Amino acid sequence: MADIKFEIHEEIGILSDSSKGWTKELNIISWNGNTPKFDLRDWSPNHEKMGKGITLTNEELKSLKNLLNEMNL
């Protein structure tokens, strides 16, 4: 498996914590030197390991925000 390079540009916030110390976080990350995007995924302490997640452009995040605002939560 190829090495995945990432740079966390901004840590926006933590959505939840697990009993094993991992956190679900929303960050702005550049993957393999590409344009930074919003990223939602689980991280081990000190960001040494990561779980599966999703990346969103500004436009996609705005669309998601609009969808969530329309929901009756």
Protein backbone atom coordinates (compact mmCIF):
# COMPACT_ATOMS: atom_id res chain seq x y z
CA MET A 1 0.00 0.00 0.00
CA ALA A 2 1.35 3.42 -0.93
CA ASP A 3 2.23 5.93 1.76
CA ILE A 4 -0.45 8.51 2.34
CA LYS A 5 0.85 11.95 3.16
CA PHE A 6 -1.31 14.49 4.93
CA GLU A 7 -1.02 17.89 6.53
CA ILE A 8 -3.60 19.15 8.98
CA HIS A 9 -4.07 22.83 8.18
CA GLU A 10 -6.73 23.52 10.82
CA GLU A 11 -8.30 21.48 13.61
CA ILE A 12 -11.91 22.67 13.61
CA GLY A 13 -13.39 20.49 16.34
CA ILE A 14 -14.05 17.14 17.96
CA LEU A 15 -17.48 15.56 17.50
CA SER A 16 -17.02 12.62 19.87
CA ASP A 17 -14.53 10.62 21.92
CA SER A 18 -14.25 6.84 22.10
CA SER A 19 -13.38 4.75 25.15
CA LYS A 20 -10.08 3.83 23.43
CA GLY A 21 -8.95 7.44 23.16
CA TRP A 22 -9.80 7.96 19.49
CA THR A 23 -11.70 11.09 18.46
CA LYS A 24 -14.04 11.83 15.57
CA GLU A 25 -12.84 15.19 14.22
CA LEU A 26 -13.62 17.79 11.60
CA ASN A 27 -10.39 19.23 10.23
CA ILE A 28 -9.06 20.92 7.12
CA ILE A 29 -6.48 18.57 5.60
CA SER A 30 -4.31 18.44 2.51
CA TRP A 31 -3.91 14.86 1.25
CA ASN A 32 -0.82 14.00 -0.79
CA GLY A 33 -0.06 17.68 -1.45
CA ASN A 34 -3.49 18.43 -2.94
CA THR A 35 -5.78 21.35 -2.16
CA PRO A 36 -6.95 21.27 1.48
CA LYS A 37 -10.48 20.02 2.06
CA PHE A 38 -12.79 19.54 5.01
CA ASP A 39 -12.23 16.09 6.47
CA LEU A 40 -14.36 14.09 8.90
CA ARG A 41 -12.84 10.90 10.37
CA ASP A 42 -11.65 9.07 13.48
CA TRP A 43 -8.12 9.75 14.72
CA SER A 44 -5.93 8.04 17.26
CA PRO A 45 -4.24 10.16 19.91
CA ASN A 46 -1.58 12.46 18.40
CA HIS A 47 -2.99 11.80 14.89
CA GLU A 48 -0.69 8.80 14.41
CA LYS A 49 -3.41 6.56 12.92
CA MET A 50 -6.70 7.29 11.20
CA GLY A 51 -9.94 5.56 10.39
CA LYS A 52 -12.01 5.78 7.25
CA GLY A 53 -13.59 9.14 6.63
CA ILE A 54 -14.93 11.58 4.09
CA THR A 55 -13.53 14.73 2.53
CA LEU A 56 -15.70 17.62 1.40
CA THR A 57 -15.06 20.72 -0.68
CA ASN A 58 -16.40 24.07 0.51
CA GLU A 59 -19.41 23.67 -1.80
CA GLU A 60 -20.14 20.15 -0.54
CA LEU A 61 -19.90 21.26 3.08
CA LYS A 62 -22.32 24.14 2.39
CA SER A 63 -24.77 21.68 0.77
CA LEU A 64 -24.47 19.36 3.76
CA LYS A 65 -25.08 22.27 6.14
CA ASN A 66 -28.23 23.23 4.19
CA LEU A 67 -29.51 19.64 4.31
CA LEU A 68 -28.88 19.42 8.06
CA ASN A 69 -30.59 22.76 8.66
CA GLU A 70 -33.70 21.44 6.87
CA MET A 71 -33.87 18.38 9.12
CA ASN A 72 -36.00 18.33 12.23
CA LEU A 73 -33.40 17.14 14.77
